[in-house]
Amino acid sequence: MEDRVLIISDPLVMMGKPIVAGTRITVELILEKLAAGETSAQILASHPRLTPVAISAALDFAKETLRADTVYPVAAVSV
């Protein structure tokens, strides 16, 4: 099975934010929904063009991005 690129960034789509290929759904939106307590099933129901694999790809993209050797200044975050 051939690997498909599921997360792309195009400066002409959603201001260049990483999105799920073939949609205008940003990785940021998926992360926000998960952080707010939505389940993958709820996200999939709200966004029928998404797949479970796309949600996993968004999480993997975020993981790999944060793993990069970059310093992110972070203010205190309330939980």
C-alpha atoms as a PDB file:
ATOM      1  CA  MET A   1       0.000   0.000   0.000  1.00  0.00           C
ATOM      2  CA  GLU A   2       1.357   3.398  -0.996  1.00  0.00           C
ATOM      3  CA  ASP A   3       1.799   6.051   1.701  1.00  0.00           C
ATOM      4  CA  ARG A   4      -0.335   9.150   1.194  1.00  0.00           C
ATOM      5  CA  VAL A   5       0.486  12.572   2.522  1.00  0.00           C
ATOM      6  CA  LEU A   6      -2.485  13.477   4.691  1.00  0.00           C
ATOM      7  CA  ILE A   7      -1.298  16.749   6.242  1.00  0.00           C
ATOM      8  CA  ILE A   8      -0.353  19.552   3.870  1.00  0.00           C
ATOM      9  CA  SER A   9       0.290  23.265   4.030  1.00  0.00           C
ATOM     10  CA  ASP A  10      -0.559  25.638   1.173  1.00  0.00           C
ATOM     11  CA  PRO A  11      -0.225  29.406   1.609  1.00  0.00           C
ATOM     12  CA  LEU A  12      -3.395  29.824  -0.456  1.00  0.00           C
ATOM     13  CA  VAL A  13      -5.507  27.626   1.839  1.00  0.00           C
ATOM     14  CA  MET A  14      -6.324  28.603   5.440  1.00  0.00           C
ATOM     15  CA  MET A  15      -3.397  31.063   5.494  1.00  0.00           C
ATOM     16  CA  GLY A  16      -0.912  28.201   5.154  1.00  0.00           C
ATOM     17  CA  LYS A  17      -1.927  26.419   8.351  1.00  0.00           C
ATOM     18  CA  PRO A  18      -1.437  22.640   8.205  1.00  0.00           C
ATOM     19  CA  ILE A  19      -4.667  21.019   6.997  1.00  0.00           C
ATOM     20  CA  VAL A  20      -5.974  17.556   6.212  1.00  0.00           C
ATOM     21  CA  ALA A  21      -5.414  17.076   2.475  1.00  0.00           C
ATOM     22  CA  GLY A  22      -8.552  17.599   0.411  1.00  0.00           C
ATOM     23  CA  THR A  23     -10.267  19.616   3.157  1.00  0.00           C
ATOM     24  CA  ARG A  24     -10.066  22.989   4.836  1.00  0.00           C
ATOM     25  CA  ILE A  25      -9.916  21.312   8.257  1.00  0.00           C
ATOM     26  CA  THR A  26      -6.834  22.429  10.155  1.00  0.00           C
ATOM     27  CA  VAL A  27      -4.693  20.351  12.461  1.00  0.00           C
ATOM     28  CA  GLU A  28      -5.285  23.153  14.951  1.00  0.00           C
ATOM     29  CA  LEU A  29      -9.066  22.618  14.849  1.00  0.00           C
ATOM     30  CA  ILE A  30      -8.695  18.883  15.435  1.00  0.00           C
ATOM     31  CA  LEU A  31      -6.384  19.490  18.401  1.00  0.00           C
ATOM     32  CA  GLU A  32      -8.717  22.134  19.853  1.00  0.00           C
ATOM     33  CA  LYS A  33     -11.696  19.790  19.630  1.00  0.00           C
ATOM     34  CA  LEU A  34      -9.803  16.931  21.270  1.00  0.00           C
ATOM     35  CA  ALA A  35      -8.487  19.244  24.002  1.00  0.00           C
ATOM     36  CA  ALA A  36     -12.060  20.431  24.641  1.00  0.00           C
ATOM     37  CA  GLY A  37     -13.065  16.835  25.330  1.00  0.00           C
ATOM     38  CA  GLU A  38     -14.634  15.837  22.027  1.00  0.00           C
ATOM     39  CA  THR A  39     -14.070  12.247  21.025  1.00  0.00           C
ATOM     40  CA  SER A  40     -12.759  11.190  17.638  1.00  0.00           C
ATOM     41  CA  ALA A  41     -16.240   9.821  16.905  1.00  0.00           C
ATOM     42  CA  GLN A  42     -17.809  13.223  17.611  1.00  0.00           C
ATOM     43  CA  ILE A  43     -15.274  14.978  15.390  1.00  0.00           C
ATOM     44  CA  LEU A  44     -15.898  12.490  12.588  1.00  0.00           C
ATOM     45  CA  ALA A  45     -19.658  13.002  12.911  1.00  0.00           C
ATOM     46  CA  SER A  46     -19.218  16.783  12.675  1.00  0.00           C
ATOM     47  CA  HIS A  47     -16.788  16.590   9.764  1.00  0.00           C
ATOM     48  CA  PRO A  48     -17.787  13.749   7.418  1.00  0.00           C
ATOM     49  CA  ARG A  49     -14.779  14.317   5.117  1.00  0.00           C
ATOM     50  CA  LEU A  50     -12.413  13.339   7.932  1.00  0.00           C
ATOM     51  CA  THR A  51     -11.346   9.766   8.597  1.00  0.00           C
ATOM     52  CA  PRO A  52      -9.871   8.144  11.692  1.00  0.00           C
ATOM     53  CA  VAL A  53      -6.563   7.946   9.797  1.00  0.00           C
ATOM     54  CA  ALA A  54      -6.664  11.712   9.165  1.00  0.00           C
ATOM     55  CA  ILE A  55      -7.164  12.416  12.880  1.00  0.00           C
ATOM     56  CA  SER A  56      -4.210  10.149  13.686  1.00  0.00           C
ATOM     57  CA  ALA A  57      -2.143  11.930  11.029  1.00  0.00           C
ATOM     58  CA  ALA A  58      -2.986  15.300  12.610  1.00  0.00           C
ATOM     59  CA  LEU A  59      -1.862  14.058  16.025  1.00  0.00           C
ATOM     60  CA  ASP A  60       1.311  12.583  14.550  1.00  0.00           C
ATOM     61  CA  PHE A  61       2.023  15.861  12.734  1.00  0.00           C
ATOM     62  CA  ALA A  62       1.629  17.802  15.992  1.00  0.00           C
ATOM     63  CA  LYS A  63       3.884  15.334  17.821  1.00  0.00           C
ATOM     64  CA  GLU A  64       6.618  15.568  15.195  1.00  0.00           C
ATOM     65  CA  THR A  65       6.348  19.363  15.017  1.00  0.00           C
ATOM     66  CA  LEU A  66       6.760  19.727  18.764  1.00  0.00           C
ATOM     67  CA  ARG A  67       9.675  17.306  18.707  1.00  0.00           C
ATOM     68  CA  ALA A  68      11.662  19.750  16.515  1.00  0.00           C
ATOM     69  CA  ASP A  69      14.538  21.656  18.084  1.00  0.00           C
ATOM     70  CA  THR A  70      12.595  24.870  18.538  1.00  0.00           C
ATOM     71  CA  VAL A  71      12.002  26.804  21.723  1.00  0.00           C
ATOM     72  CA  TYR A  72       8.389  27.843  22.235  1.00  0.00           C
ATOM     73  CA  PRO A  73       7.845  30.525  24.865  1.00  0.00           C
ATOM     74  CA  VAL A  74       4.830  29.376  26.854  1.00  0.00           C
ATOM     75  CA  ALA A  75       2.740  31.462  29.214  1.00  0.00           C
ATOM     76  CA  ALA A  76       1.109  29.754  32.161  1.00  0.00           C
ATOM     77  CA  VAL A  77      -1.789  27.593  30.992  1.00  0.00           C
ATOM     78  CA  SER A  78      -4.822  27.060  33.187  1.00  0.00           C
ATOM     79  CA  VAL A  79      -6.482  23.654  33.268  1.00  0.00           C
END
